[in-house]
Amino acid sequence: MSKGLYVWEVPVRVTHWVNAISIFVLTITGLYIGDPYLQAKSEYDFIMGQMRFFHFICAYFLIAGMLFRIYWWFVGNKYAKIDQFIPMSSERWNNLIGTALFYGFMKKDLPHSPGHTGLAGLTYFFIFILLIVEIITGFALYSQSHAPNNTALYIAGGWLLNSFDAMTIRFVHHILMWCFMLFVLIHVYISVHNQFIEKNELVWSIFTGYKKMDEHPHH
């Protein structure tokens, strides 16, 4: 028998979609900034400027969403806490190993987990770190078009230019974008896959907050 379990609180769902939409727009605009794929029809079309504007705006939305999510690691419910992302107990380590074995086709059943599985949580934490690197490299590139004495931009990422040339920073920024695109594809696939395997409304839960969980799971 299954019941509705309130797993994802409103702040978790909101930051998820803010970050998801921001990453989508950042990817579309970033691809254009790196290799313009639209032709201006008149001298008044300022496509690059518009793309850069939306790129920067969404970058700030992403930063805000990430900062709030860090805050929610410490004040949210047990499914939102930091220990769901970094295994700090034998239970979470066992879940991490069991999930890895399942996706490695070495275990028949997917470990039961109302919130994130151990593998998913650690993956999201790793992606979170990569997003921080993406943001820092982005600010480093952004700082090139501003006065060198802009303290805020220097602290946010401009200091990288003291150790790396702009082409290297741009390469890392670009490669990470493709890593996020690959992650999104895998993330969507696994979410849909798990919904059918566990029949737990995983996909819909990021809209409603509720998952259907067995009271006496067999996994």
C-alpha atoms as a PDB file:
ATOM      1  CA  MET A   1       0.000   0.000   0.000  1.00  0.00           C
ATOM      2  CA  SER A   2       1.289   3.467  -0.799  1.00  0.00           C
ATOM      3  CA  LYS A   3       0.675   6.848   0.718  1.00  0.00           C
ATOM      4  CA  GLY A   4       1.527  10.418  -0.140  1.00  0.00           C
ATOM      5  CA  LEU A   5       4.716  11.554   1.572  1.00  0.00           C
ATOM      6  CA  TYR A   6       5.568  15.249   1.602  1.00  0.00           C
ATOM      7  CA  VAL A   7       9.209  15.249   0.539  1.00  0.00           C
ATOM      8  CA  TRP A   8      10.043  18.384  -1.443  1.00  0.00           C
ATOM      9  CA  GLU A   9       9.180  21.614   0.351  1.00  0.00           C
ATOM     10  CA  VAL A  10       8.178  24.738  -1.571  1.00  0.00           C
ATOM     11  CA  PRO A  11      11.659  26.359  -1.398  1.00  0.00           C
ATOM     12  CA  VAL A  12      13.211  23.172  -2.799  1.00  0.00           C
ATOM     13  CA  ARG A  13      10.747  23.051  -5.690  1.00  0.00           C
ATOM     14  CA  VAL A  14      11.057  26.766  -6.440  1.00  0.00           C
ATOM     15  CA  THR A  15      14.877  26.759  -6.437  1.00  0.00           C
ATOM     16  CA  HIS A  16      14.848  23.614  -8.586  1.00  0.00           C
ATOM     17  CA  TRP A  17      12.845  25.336 -11.304  1.00  0.00           C
ATOM     18  CA  VAL A  18      14.645  28.683 -10.976  1.00  0.00           C
ATOM     19  CA  ASN A  19      17.953  26.885 -11.429  1.00  0.00           C
ATOM     20  CA  ALA A  20      16.622  24.662 -14.242  1.00  0.00           C
ATOM     21  CA  ILE A  21      15.187  27.567 -16.249  1.00  0.00           C
ATOM     22  CA  SER A  22      18.290  29.677 -15.610  1.00  0.00           C
ATOM     23  CA  ILE A  23      20.597  26.902 -16.836  1.00  0.00           C
ATOM     24  CA  PHE A  24      18.428  26.416 -19.939  1.00  0.00           C
ATOM     25  CA  VAL A  25      18.565  30.119 -20.863  1.00  0.00           C
ATOM     26  CA  LEU A  26      22.265  30.326 -19.981  1.00  0.00           C
ATOM     27  CA  THR A  27      22.943  27.403 -22.322  1.00  0.00           C
ATOM     28  CA  ILE A  28      20.982  28.873 -25.258  1.00  0.00           C
ATOM     29  CA  THR A  29      22.518  32.318 -24.858  1.00  0.00           C
ATOM     30  CA  GLY A  30      25.970  30.917 -24.082  1.00  0.00           C
ATOM     31  CA  LEU A  31      25.984  28.915 -27.312  1.00  0.00           C
ATOM     32  CA  TYR A  32      25.226  32.107 -29.213  1.00  0.00           C
ATOM     33  CA  ILE A  33      27.878  34.153 -27.394  1.00  0.00           C
ATOM     34  CA  GLY A  34      30.474  31.482 -28.184  1.00  0.00           C
ATOM     35  CA  ASP A  35      29.387  30.978 -31.802  1.00  0.00           C
ATOM     36  CA  PRO A  36      26.646  33.359 -33.052  1.00  0.00           C
ATOM     37  CA  TYR A  37      23.982  31.372 -34.881  1.00  0.00           C
ATOM     38  CA  LEU A  38      21.519  34.196 -35.699  1.00  0.00           C
ATOM     39  CA  GLN A  39      21.992  36.813 -38.394  1.00  0.00           C
ATOM     40  CA  ALA A  40      21.053  40.439 -37.784  1.00  0.00           C
ATOM     41  CA  LYS A  41      18.454  41.662 -40.299  1.00  0.00           C
ATOM     42  CA  SER A  42      19.221  45.335 -39.835  1.00  0.00           C
ATOM     43  CA  GLU A  43      21.782  47.629 -38.288  1.00  0.00           C
ATOM     44  CA  TYR A  44      19.406  48.161 -35.379  1.00  0.00           C
ATOM     45  CA  ASP A  45      19.410  44.506 -34.356  1.00  0.00           C
ATOM     46  CA  PHE A  46      21.590  44.149 -31.303  1.00  0.00           C
ATOM     47  CA  ILE A  47      21.392  40.380 -30.909  1.00  0.00           C
ATOM     48  CA  MET A  48      24.705  39.872 -29.128  1.00  0.00           C
ATOM     49  CA  GLY A  49      23.873  42.570 -26.601  1.00  0.00           C
ATOM     50  CA  GLN A  50      20.470  41.019 -25.920  1.00  0.00           C
ATOM     51  CA  MET A  51      21.958  37.542 -25.559  1.00  0.00           C
ATOM     52  CA  ARG A  52      24.582  38.813 -23.155  1.00  0.00           C
ATOM     53  CA  PHE A  53      21.911  40.686 -21.165  1.00  0.00           C
ATOM     54  CA  PHE A  54      19.760  37.568 -20.693  1.00  0.00           C
ATOM     55  CA  HIS A  55      22.886  35.519 -19.990  1.00  0.00           C
ATOM     56  CA  PHE A  56      23.922  37.838 -17.176  1.00  0.00           C
ATOM     57  CA  ILE A  57      20.408  38.160 -15.738  1.00  0.00           C
ATOM     58  CA  CYS A  58      19.953  34.377 -15.595  1.00  0.00           C
ATOM     59  CA  ALA A  59      23.402  34.009 -14.080  1.00  0.00           C
ATOM     60  CA  TYR A  60      22.290  36.192 -11.175  1.00  0.00           C
ATOM     61  CA  PHE A  61      19.061  34.191 -10.826  1.00  0.00           C
ATOM     62  CA  LEU A  62      21.136  31.003 -10.722  1.00  0.00           C
ATOM     63  CA  ILE A  63      23.413  32.449  -8.055  1.00  0.00           C
ATOM     64  CA  ALA A  64      20.409  33.520  -5.969  1.00  0.00           C
ATOM     65  CA  GLY A  65      18.841  30.064  -6.307  1.00  0.00           C
ATOM     66  CA  MET A  66      22.054  28.319  -5.310  1.00  0.00           C
ATOM     67  CA  LEU A  67      22.651  30.575  -2.313  1.00  0.00           C
ATOM     68  CA  PHE A  68      19.120  29.988  -1.054  1.00  0.00           C
ATOM     69  CA  ARG A  69      19.498  26.249  -1.591  1.00  0.00           C
ATOM     70  CA  ILE A  70      22.669  26.289   0.528  1.00  0.00           C
ATOM     71  CA  TYR A  71      20.687  28.052   3.260  1.00  0.00           C
ATOM     72  CA  TRP A  72      17.956  25.395   2.967  1.00  0.00           C
ATOM     73  CA  TRP A  73      20.536  22.639   3.519  1.00  0.00           C
ATOM     74  CA  PHE A  74      20.508  23.684   7.165  1.00  0.00           C
ATOM     75  CA  VAL A  75      16.903  24.749   7.831  1.00  0.00           C
ATOM     76  CA  GLY A  76      14.860  22.495   5.536  1.00  0.00           C
ATOM     77  CA  ASN A  77      13.263  19.147   6.302  1.00  0.00           C
ATOM     78  CA  LYS A  78      15.313  15.955   6.516  1.00  0.00           C
ATOM     79  CA  TYR A  79      15.088  15.385   2.759  1.00  0.00           C
ATOM     80  CA  ALA A  80      16.660  18.766   2.024  1.00  0.00           C
ATOM     81  CA  LYS A  81      19.541  18.659   4.531  1.00  0.00           C
ATOM     82  CA  ILE A  82      23.214  18.609   3.581  1.00  0.00           C
ATOM     83  CA  ASP A  83      23.614  14.974   4.707  1.00  0.00           C
ATOM     84  CA  GLN A  84      21.344  13.952   1.815  1.00  0.00           C
ATOM     85  CA  PHE A  85      24.077  15.166  -0.544  1.00  0.00           C
ATOM     86  CA  ILE A  86      27.233  14.278   1.364  1.00  0.00           C
ATOM     87  CA  PRO A  87      26.965  10.804   2.963  1.00  0.00           C
ATOM     88  CA  MET A  88      27.593  11.220   6.689  1.00  0.00           C
ATOM     89  CA  SER A  89      26.174   7.950   8.026  1.00  0.00           C
ATOM     90  CA  SER A  90      26.503   4.246   7.313  1.00  0.00           C
ATOM     91  CA  GLU A  91      22.895   4.242   6.086  1.00  0.00           C
ATOM     92  CA  ARG A  92      23.635   6.859   3.428  1.00  0.00           C
ATOM     93  CA  TRP A  93      26.866   5.102   2.403  1.00  0.00           C
ATOM     94  CA  ASN A  94      25.015   1.805   2.036  1.00  0.00           C
ATOM     95  CA  ASN A  95      22.354   3.553  -0.036  1.00  0.00           C
ATOM     96  CA  LEU A  96      25.052   5.149  -2.197  1.00  0.00           C
ATOM     97  CA  ILE A  97      26.776   1.809  -2.827  1.00  0.00           C
ATOM     98  CA  GLY A  98      23.494  -0.022  -3.404  1.00  0.00           C
ATOM     99  CA  THR A  99      22.291   2.572  -5.913  1.00  0.00           C
ATOM    100  CA  ALA A 100      25.630   2.490  -7.762  1.00  0.00           C
ATOM    101  CA  LEU A 101      25.409  -1.312  -7.971  1.00  0.00           C
ATOM    102  CA  PHE A 102      21.836  -1.079  -9.296  1.00  0.00           C
ATOM    103  CA  TYR A 103      22.781   1.321 -12.099  1.00  0.00           C
ATOM    104  CA  GLY A 104      25.862  -0.818 -12.769  1.00  0.00           C
ATOM    105  CA  PHE A 105      23.530  -3.799 -13.395  1.00  0.00           C
ATOM    106  CA  MET A 106      25.032  -5.634 -10.409  1.00  0.00           C
ATOM    107  CA  LYS A 107      21.992  -5.373  -8.139  1.00  0.00           C
ATOM    108  CA  LYS A 108      18.385  -6.234  -8.961  1.00  0.00           C
ATOM    109  CA  ASP A 109      16.510  -3.764  -6.739  1.00  0.00           C
ATOM    110  CA  LEU A 110      16.905  -0.008  -6.463  1.00  0.00           C
ATOM    111  CA  PRO A 111      17.497   0.906  -2.782  1.00  0.00           C
ATOM    112  CA  HIS A 112      14.501   2.490  -1.086  1.00  0.00           C
ATOM    113  CA  SER A 113      14.918   6.214  -0.482  1.00  0.00           C
ATOM    114  CA  PRO A 114      12.093   8.721   0.135  1.00  0.00           C
ATOM    115  CA  GLY A 115      14.357  11.650  -0.767  1.00  0.00           C
ATOM    116  CA  HIS A 116      17.471  11.530  -2.906  1.00  0.00           C
ATOM    117  CA  THR A 117      19.259   8.228  -3.262  1.00  0.00           C
ATOM    118  CA  GLY A 118      22.838   8.283  -2.012  1.00  0.00           C
ATOM    119  CA  LEU A 119      24.177   8.320  -5.568  1.00  0.00           C
ATOM    120  CA  ALA A 120      21.778  11.058  -6.711  1.00  0.00           C
ATOM    121  CA  GLY A 121      22.572  13.257  -3.709  1.00  0.00           C
ATOM    122  CA  LEU A 122      26.333  12.978  -4.205  1.00  0.00           C
ATOM    123  CA  THR A 123      25.931  13.612  -7.944  1.00  0.00           C
ATOM    124  CA  TYR A 124      23.894  16.756  -7.282  1.00  0.00           C
ATOM    125  CA  PHE A 125      26.541  17.980  -4.841  1.00  0.00           C
ATOM    126  CA  PHE A 126      29.244  17.415  -7.462  1.00  0.00           C
ATOM    127  CA  ILE A 127      27.157  19.292 -10.057  1.00  0.00           C
ATOM    128  CA  PHE A 128      26.708  22.072  -7.495  1.00  0.00           C
ATOM    129  CA  ILE A 129      30.508  22.391  -7.208  1.00  0.00           C
ATOM    130  CA  LEU A 130      30.850  22.486 -10.995  1.00  0.00           C
ATOM    131  CA  LEU A 131      28.211  25.236 -11.132  1.00  0.00           C
ATOM    132  CA  ILE A 132      30.304  27.281  -8.714  1.00  0.00           C
ATOM    133  CA  VAL A 133      33.311  26.835 -11.010  1.00  0.00           C
ATOM    134  CA  GLU A 134      31.126  27.840 -13.966  1.00  0.00           C
ATOM    135  CA  ILE A 135      30.011  30.985 -12.153  1.00  0.00           C
ATOM    136  CA  ILE A 136      33.555  31.964 -11.157  1.00  0.00           C
ATOM    137  CA  THR A 137      34.891  31.474 -14.689  1.00  0.00           C
ATOM    138  CA  GLY A 138      31.913  33.419 -16.017  1.00  0.00           C
ATOM    139  CA  PHE A 139      32.683  36.365 -13.786  1.00  0.00           C
ATOM    140  CA  ALA A 140      36.341  36.163 -14.824  1.00  0.00           C
ATOM    141  CA  LEU A 141      35.321  36.503 -18.476  1.00  0.00           C
ATOM    142  CA  TYR A 142      32.809  39.220 -17.619  1.00  0.00           C
ATOM    143  CA  SER A 143      35.453  41.222 -15.762  1.00  0.00           C
ATOM    144  CA  GLN A 144      37.468  41.668 -18.967  1.00  0.00           C
ATOM    145  CA  SER A 145      34.969  44.200 -20.292  1.00  0.00           C
ATOM    146  CA  HIS A 146      34.976  46.269 -17.114  1.00  0.00           C
ATOM    147  CA  ALA A 147      37.462  48.520 -15.416  1.00  0.00           C
ATOM    148  CA  PRO A 148      40.321  46.523 -13.836  1.00  0.00           C
ATOM    149  CA  ASN A 149      39.694  48.196 -10.487  1.00  0.00           C
ATOM    150  CA  ASN A 150      36.149  46.758 -10.191  1.00  0.00           C
ATOM    151  CA  THR A 151      36.596  45.105  -6.792  1.00  0.00           C
ATOM    152  CA  ALA A 152      33.335  43.144  -6.828  1.00  0.00           C
ATOM    153  CA  LEU A 153      34.061  41.476 -10.178  1.00  0.00           C
ATOM    154  CA  TYR A 154      37.654  40.816  -9.166  1.00  0.00           C
ATOM    155  CA  ILE A 155      36.517  38.992  -6.028  1.00  0.00           C
ATOM    156  CA  ALA A 156      33.785  37.122  -7.944  1.00  0.00           C
ATOM    157  CA  GLY A 157      36.221  35.705 -10.502  1.00  0.00           C
ATOM    158  CA  GLY A 158      38.480  38.325 -12.020  1.00  0.00           C
ATOM    159  CA  TRP A 159      41.381  37.058  -9.930  1.00  0.00           C
ATOM    160  CA  LEU A 160      41.520  33.953 -12.146  1.00  0.00           C
ATOM    161  CA  LEU A 161      43.044  36.063 -14.902  1.00  0.00           C
ATOM    162  CA  ASN A 162      46.144  36.441 -12.719  1.00  0.00           C
ATOM    163  CA  SER A 163      46.849  32.717 -13.124  1.00  0.00           C
ATOM    164  CA  PHE A 164      45.140  31.661 -16.368  1.00  0.00           C
ATOM    165  CA  ASP A 165      44.729  33.240 -19.782  1.00  0.00           C
ATOM    166  CA  ALA A 166      41.265  34.128 -21.036  1.00  0.00           C
ATOM    167  CA  MET A 167      41.200  31.327 -23.632  1.00  0.00           C
ATOM    168  CA  THR A 168      41.795  28.671 -20.964  1.00  0.00           C
ATOM    169  CA  ILE A 169      39.064  30.120 -18.749  1.00  0.00           C
ATOM    170  CA  ARG A 170      36.674  30.311 -21.708  1.00  0.00           C
ATOM    171  CA  PHE A 171      37.460  26.682 -22.615  1.00  0.00           C
ATOM    172  CA  VAL A 172      36.664  25.478 -19.076  1.00  0.00           C
ATOM    173  CA  HIS A 173      33.480  27.582 -19.030  1.00  0.00           C
ATOM    174  CA  HIS A 174      32.393  26.100 -22.370  1.00  0.00           C
ATOM    175  CA  ILE A 175      33.231  22.472 -21.532  1.00  0.00           C
ATOM    176  CA  LEU A 176      31.309  22.673 -18.255  1.00  0.00           C
ATOM    177  CA  MET A 177      28.252  23.870 -20.192  1.00  0.00           C
ATOM    178  CA  TRP A 178      28.313  20.616 -22.190  1.00  0.00           C
ATOM    179  CA  CYS A 179      28.714  18.659 -18.941  1.00  0.00           C
ATOM    180  CA  PHE A 180      25.524  20.268 -17.613  1.00  0.00           C
ATOM    181  CA  MET A 181      23.675  19.462 -20.827  1.00  0.00           C
ATOM    182  CA  LEU A 182      24.691  15.799 -20.478  1.00  0.00           C
ATOM    183  CA  PHE A 183      23.676  15.819 -16.818  1.00  0.00           C
ATOM    184  CA  VAL A 184      20.217  17.187 -17.654  1.00  0.00           C
ATOM    185  CA  LEU A 185      19.621  14.392 -20.184  1.00  0.00           C
ATOM    186  CA  ILE A 186      20.664  11.723 -17.668  1.00  0.00           C
ATOM    187  CA  HIS A 187      18.710  13.405 -14.862  1.00  0.00           C
ATOM    188  CA  VAL A 188      15.468  13.461 -16.869  1.00  0.00           C
ATOM    189  CA  TYR A 189      15.948   9.886 -18.064  1.00  0.00           C
ATOM    190  CA  ILE A 190      16.578   8.516 -14.555  1.00  0.00           C
ATOM    191  CA  SER A 191      13.666  10.496 -13.103  1.00  0.00           C
ATOM    192  CA  VAL A 192      11.239   9.044 -15.646  1.00  0.00           C
ATOM    193  CA  HIS A 193      12.791   5.583 -15.304  1.00  0.00           C
ATOM    194  CA  ASN A 194      12.434   5.613 -11.521  1.00  0.00           C
ATOM    195  CA  GLN A 195       8.845   6.793 -11.728  1.00  0.00           C
ATOM    196  CA  PHE A 196       7.985   3.672 -13.711  1.00  0.00           C
ATOM    197  CA  ILE A 197      10.172   1.334 -11.616  1.00  0.00           C
ATOM    198  CA  GLU A 198       9.141   2.529  -8.155  1.00  0.00           C
ATOM    199  CA  LYS A 199       5.766   3.975  -9.213  1.00  0.00           C
ATOM    200  CA  ASN A 200       6.394   6.758  -6.714  1.00  0.00           C
ATOM    201  CA  GLU A 201       5.286   9.805  -8.749  1.00  0.00           C
ATOM    202  CA  LEU A 202       8.884  11.040  -8.725  1.00  0.00           C
ATOM    203  CA  VAL A 203       8.431  13.246 -11.793  1.00  0.00           C
ATOM    204  CA  TRP A 204       5.242  14.852 -10.470  1.00  0.00           C
ATOM    205  CA  SER A 205       6.711  15.289  -6.994  1.00  0.00           C
ATOM    206  CA  ILE A 206       8.861  18.209  -8.120  1.00  0.00           C
ATOM    207  CA  PHE A 207       5.583  20.005  -8.906  1.00  0.00           C
ATOM    208  CA  THR A 208       3.461  18.815  -5.957  1.00  0.00           C
ATOM    209  CA  GLY A 209       6.070  18.000  -3.317  1.00  0.00           C
ATOM    210  CA  TYR A 210       4.488  14.590  -2.660  1.00  0.00           C
ATOM    211  CA  LYS A 211       5.857  11.150  -3.491  1.00  0.00           C
ATOM    212  CA  LYS A 212       4.024   7.853  -3.185  1.00  0.00           C
ATOM    213  CA  MET A 213       6.021   5.567  -0.912  1.00  0.00           C
ATOM    214  CA  ASP A 214       5.376   2.013   0.247  1.00  0.00           C
ATOM    215  CA  GLU A 215       4.778   1.765   3.961  1.00  0.00           C
ATOM    216  CA  HIS A 216       6.718  -1.495   3.979  1.00  0.00           C
ATOM    217  CA  PRO A 217       9.159  -1.258   1.071  1.00  0.00           C
ATOM    218  CA  HIS A 218      10.608  -4.430  -0.414  1.00  0.00           C
ATOM    219  CA  HIS A 219      13.746  -2.778  -1.734  1.00  0.00           C
END
